[in-house]
Amino acid sequence: MSPLSRRLNPWAALGWSAWSLGLEASTVIGLRTLKIAAGGPAGEAEAHRMVAEKIDAGLALQTMALSGGLGFTPQDAASRTLTHYRRKVRANRRRLSKA
């Protein structure tokens, strides 16, 4: 997508970013599923970690929204929300890919 088209339609770029985040998240889902399905202490710990991370990420995003950390336009809020979750997803993908 060209810089001009991104400026003319910021939602198109955000749509692409959301799609790519979804693709990366599906990789993490697969990796987590394998780890949890293997069972044992590592699988149980991963299940607990997954739930705790989701709660923490949601609460952090709410805090950002209430403090103005997501910006003041709908595009800023959407972009910063995607960035917030992308950091979490990437960290999990890196961690789970090592094992």
Protein backbone atom coordinates (compact mmCIF):
# COMPACT_ATOMS: atom_id res chain seq x y z
CA MET A 1 0.00 0.00 0.00
CA SER A 2 1.44 3.37 -1.01
CA PRO A 3 1.93 6.18 1.51
CA LEU A 4 -0.58 8.31 -0.41
CA SER A 5 -3.33 5.70 -0.19
CA ARG A 6 -2.61 5.27 3.55
CA ARG A 7 -3.08 8.98 4.08
CA LEU A 8 -6.27 9.04 2.03
CA ASN A 9 -7.77 6.01 3.77
CA PRO A 10 -6.15 5.25 7.14
CA TRP A 11 -8.71 2.51 7.75
CA ALA A 12 -7.33 0.45 4.88
CA ALA A 13 -3.90 0.37 6.54
CA LEU A 14 -5.49 -0.44 9.90
CA GLY A 15 -7.45 -3.26 8.29
CA TRP A 16 -4.26 -4.72 6.89
CA SER A 17 -2.57 -4.39 10.27
CA ALA A 18 -5.48 -6.11 12.01
CA TRP A 19 -5.41 -8.93 9.46
CA SER A 20 -1.67 -9.49 9.94
CA LEU A 21 -2.08 -9.44 13.73
CA GLY A 22 -4.79 -12.08 13.40
CA LEU A 23 -2.50 -14.24 11.32
CA GLU A 24 0.28 -13.94 13.87
CA ALA A 25 -2.16 -14.63 16.72
CA SER A 26 -3.31 -17.82 15.00
CA THR A 27 0.31 -19.01 15.07
CA VAL A 28 0.45 -18.37 18.81
CA ILE A 29 -2.84 -20.22 19.27
CA GLY A 30 -1.40 -23.23 17.49
CA LEU A 31 1.81 -23.18 19.51
CA ARG A 32 -0.09 -22.82 22.76
CA THR A 33 -2.48 -25.60 21.83
CA LEU A 34 0.44 -27.95 21.25
CA LYS A 35 2.02 -27.05 24.58
CA ILE A 36 -1.23 -27.41 26.54
CA ALA A 37 -2.14 -30.65 24.75
CA ALA A 38 1.22 -32.13 25.76
CA GLY A 39 0.01 -31.77 29.34
CA GLY A 40 2.11 -31.96 32.43
CA PRO A 41 3.26 -29.04 34.54
CA ALA A 42 4.39 -27.06 31.48
CA GLY A 43 0.98 -27.37 29.83
CA GLU A 44 -0.84 -26.40 33.00
CA ALA A 45 1.47 -23.42 33.53
CA GLU A 46 0.86 -22.29 29.94
CA ALA A 47 -2.91 -22.45 30.39
CA HIS A 48 -2.71 -20.35 33.56
CA ARG A 49 -0.29 -17.93 31.91
CA MET A 50 -2.58 -17.52 28.90
CA VAL A 51 -5.56 -16.53 31.04
CA ALA A 52 -3.51 -14.17 33.22
CA GLU A 53 -1.96 -12.49 30.15
CA LYS A 54 -5.36 -11.91 28.57
CA ILE A 55 -6.70 -10.30 31.74
CA ASP A 56 -3.59 -8.14 32.17
CA ALA A 57 -3.59 -7.02 28.53
CA GLY A 58 -7.28 -6.06 28.69
CA LEU A 59 -6.86 -4.12 31.94
CA ALA A 60 -3.78 -2.32 30.60
CA LEU A 61 -5.72 -1.31 27.49
CA GLN A 62 -8.59 0.02 29.62
CA THR A 63 -6.12 2.04 31.66
CA MET A 64 -4.62 3.47 28.48
CA ALA A 65 -8.09 4.39 27.21
CA LEU A 66 -9.07 6.11 30.45
CA SER A 67 -5.81 8.07 30.66
CA GLY A 68 -5.87 9.25 27.03
CA GLY A 69 -3.07 6.90 26.05
CA LEU A 70 -4.95 5.68 23.00
CA GLY A 71 -5.11 9.10 21.39
CA PHE A 72 -8.07 11.24 20.52
CA THR A 73 -9.19 10.03 17.12
CA PRO A 74 -10.75 6.70 16.24
CA GLN A 75 -7.80 5.90 13.95
CA ASP A 76 -5.28 6.59 16.73
CA ALA A 77 -7.22 4.43 19.17
CA ALA A 78 -7.43 1.55 16.70
CA SER A 79 -3.76 1.82 15.76
CA ARG A 80 -2.54 1.96 19.35
CA THR A 81 -4.82 -0.92 20.33
CA LEU A 82 -3.34 -3.06 17.56
CA THR A 83 0.17 -2.05 18.63
CA HIS A 84 -0.60 -2.96 22.24
CA TYR A 85 -1.79 -6.44 21.34
CA ARG A 86 0.87 -6.98 18.67
CA ARG A 87 3.62 -6.59 21.30
CA LYS A 88 2.00 -9.25 23.45
CA VAL A 89 1.45 -11.64 20.54
CA ARG A 90 5.02 -11.24 19.25
CA ALA A 91 6.49 -11.86 22.70
CA ASN A 92 4.45 -15.04 23.02
CA ARG A 93 5.36 -16.21 19.52
CA ARG A 94 9.07 -15.75 20.25
CA ARG A 95 8.83 -17.49 23.62
CA LEU A 96 6.77 -20.42 22.36
CA SER A 97 8.89 -20.90 19.22
CA LYS A 98 12.04 -21.47 21.29
CA ALA A 99 10.68 -24.52 23.07
